[in-house]
Amino acid sequence: MVKQLPVMIVAVLLGACSSNTGSEADPAQPPKGGCYQSQWQAETAPVINKRLGPDGLEKYDDEHQRKAPGCP
């Protein structure tokens, strides 16, 4: 019993410390947009242009980039 008591105390403390009591340590990441979207479009636009021609680029317009926050 004497040796089991410290083991039980350590087990209870570890269990209590590892439980998540509602603290938000990792908030949800915001969706990627802005410069990430610009970079992605810059990388894929030549491939789309090569496969679909200029008409395939109509959906990759500038309007989304103007509204994107944080992009120079």
C-alpha atoms as a PDB file:
ATOM      1  CA  MET A   1       0.000   0.000   0.000  1.00  0.00           C
ATOM      2  CA  VAL A   2       2.848   2.352   0.752  1.00  0.00           C
ATOM      3  CA  LYS A   3       4.381   2.003  -2.719  1.00  0.00           C
ATOM      4  CA  GLN A   4       1.019   2.132  -4.465  1.00  0.00           C
ATOM      5  CA  LEU A   5       0.050   5.448  -2.859  1.00  0.00           C
ATOM      6  CA  PRO A   6       2.739   7.564  -4.619  1.00  0.00           C
ATOM      7  CA  VAL A   7       1.977   5.807  -7.911  1.00  0.00           C
ATOM      8  CA  MET A   8      -1.721   6.579  -7.533  1.00  0.00           C
ATOM      9  CA  ILE A   9      -0.993  10.202  -6.663  1.00  0.00           C
ATOM     10  CA  VAL A  10       1.231  10.597  -9.732  1.00  0.00           C
ATOM     11  CA  ALA A  11      -1.406   8.922 -11.930  1.00  0.00           C
ATOM     12  CA  VAL A  12      -4.154  11.225 -10.646  1.00  0.00           C
ATOM     13  CA  LEU A  13      -1.990  14.323 -11.120  1.00  0.00           C
ATOM     14  CA  LEU A  14      -1.043  13.327 -14.664  1.00  0.00           C
ATOM     15  CA  GLY A  15      -4.665  12.589 -15.484  1.00  0.00           C
ATOM     16  CA  ALA A  16      -5.796  15.933 -14.088  1.00  0.00           C
ATOM     17  CA  CYS A  17      -3.099  17.854 -15.947  1.00  0.00           C
ATOM     18  CA  SER A  18      -3.779  16.175 -19.259  1.00  0.00           C
ATOM     19  CA  SER A  19      -7.518  16.798 -19.271  1.00  0.00           C
ATOM     20  CA  ASN A  20      -8.853  19.605 -21.455  1.00  0.00           C
ATOM     21  CA  THR A  21     -11.072  21.783 -19.281  1.00  0.00           C
ATOM     22  CA  GLY A  22     -12.212  24.091 -22.039  1.00  0.00           C
ATOM     23  CA  SER A  23      -9.093  26.175 -22.454  1.00  0.00           C
ATOM     24  CA  GLU A  24      -8.596  27.161 -26.069  1.00  0.00           C
ATOM     25  CA  ALA A  25      -4.857  26.767 -26.564  1.00  0.00           C
ATOM     26  CA  ASP A  26      -5.193  26.152 -30.315  1.00  0.00           C
ATOM     27  CA  PRO A  27      -7.801  28.458 -31.820  1.00  0.00           C
ATOM     28  CA  ALA A  28      -9.134  27.436 -35.198  1.00  0.00           C
ATOM     29  CA  GLN A  29      -6.910  28.673 -37.988  1.00  0.00           C
ATOM     30  CA  PRO A  30      -8.470  31.225 -40.297  1.00  0.00           C
ATOM     31  CA  PRO A  31      -9.014  30.125 -43.886  1.00  0.00           C
ATOM     32  CA  LYS A  32      -6.111  30.775 -46.167  1.00  0.00           C
ATOM     33  CA  GLY A  33      -6.666  33.589 -48.576  1.00  0.00           C
ATOM     34  CA  GLY A  34      -5.045  36.765 -49.723  1.00  0.00           C
ATOM     35  CA  CYS A  35      -1.434  36.256 -50.709  1.00  0.00           C
ATOM     36  CA  TYR A  36      -1.697  32.486 -50.404  1.00  0.00           C
ATOM     37  CA  GLN A  37      -4.487  32.570 -52.995  1.00  0.00           C
ATOM     38  CA  SER A  38      -2.446  34.894 -55.215  1.00  0.00           C
ATOM     39  CA  GLN A  39       0.558  32.602 -55.045  1.00  0.00           C
ATOM     40  CA  TRP A  40      -1.567  29.550 -55.813  1.00  0.00           C
ATOM     41  CA  GLN A  41      -3.133  31.279 -58.814  1.00  0.00           C
ATOM     42  CA  ALA A  42       0.258  32.432 -60.078  1.00  0.00           C
ATOM     43  CA  GLU A  43       1.515  28.851 -59.967  1.00  0.00           C
ATOM     44  CA  THR A  44      -1.516  27.262 -61.625  1.00  0.00           C
ATOM     45  CA  ALA A  45      -2.457  29.912 -64.182  1.00  0.00           C
ATOM     46  CA  PRO A  46       0.227  28.906 -66.729  1.00  0.00           C
ATOM     47  CA  VAL A  47      -0.859  25.259 -66.505  1.00  0.00           C
ATOM     48  CA  ILE A  48      -4.529  26.137 -66.992  1.00  0.00           C
ATOM     49  CA  ASN A  49      -3.696  28.513 -69.806  1.00  0.00           C
ATOM     50  CA  LYS A  50      -1.698  25.797 -71.525  1.00  0.00           C
ATOM     51  CA  ARG A  51      -4.492  23.212 -71.235  1.00  0.00           C
ATOM     52  CA  LEU A  52      -7.672  25.250 -71.641  1.00  0.00           C
ATOM     53  CA  GLY A  53      -6.511  28.346 -73.436  1.00  0.00           C
ATOM     54  CA  PRO A  54      -7.344  31.928 -72.442  1.00  0.00           C
ATOM     55  CA  ASP A  55     -11.030  31.088 -71.857  1.00  0.00           C
ATOM     56  CA  GLY A  56     -10.044  28.795 -68.974  1.00  0.00           C
ATOM     57  CA  LEU A  57      -8.649  31.735 -67.017  1.00  0.00           C
ATOM     58  CA  GLU A  58     -11.967  33.604 -66.769  1.00  0.00           C
ATOM     59  CA  LYS A  59     -12.720  32.172 -63.321  1.00  0.00           C
ATOM     60  CA  TYR A  60      -9.337  33.364 -61.998  1.00  0.00           C
ATOM     61  CA  ASP A  61     -10.228  37.014 -61.995  1.00  0.00           C
ATOM     62  CA  ASP A  62      -8.777  39.951 -60.105  1.00  0.00           C
ATOM     63  CA  GLU A  63     -11.909  40.676 -58.103  1.00  0.00           C
ATOM     64  CA  HIS A  64     -11.162  38.142 -55.377  1.00  0.00           C
ATOM     65  CA  GLN A  65      -7.652  39.514 -54.991  1.00  0.00           C
ATOM     66  CA  ARG A  66      -8.876  43.075 -54.483  1.00  0.00           C
ATOM     67  CA  LYS A  67     -11.046  41.930 -51.579  1.00  0.00           C
ATOM     68  CA  ALA A  68      -8.344  39.721 -50.049  1.00  0.00           C
ATOM     69  CA  PRO A  69      -6.914  41.145 -46.822  1.00  0.00           C
ATOM     70  CA  GLY A  70      -3.206  41.371 -46.195  1.00  0.00           C
ATOM     71  CA  CYS A  71      -2.011  41.145 -49.760  1.00  0.00           C
ATOM     72  CA  PRO A  72       0.169  43.988 -51.043  1.00  0.00           C
END
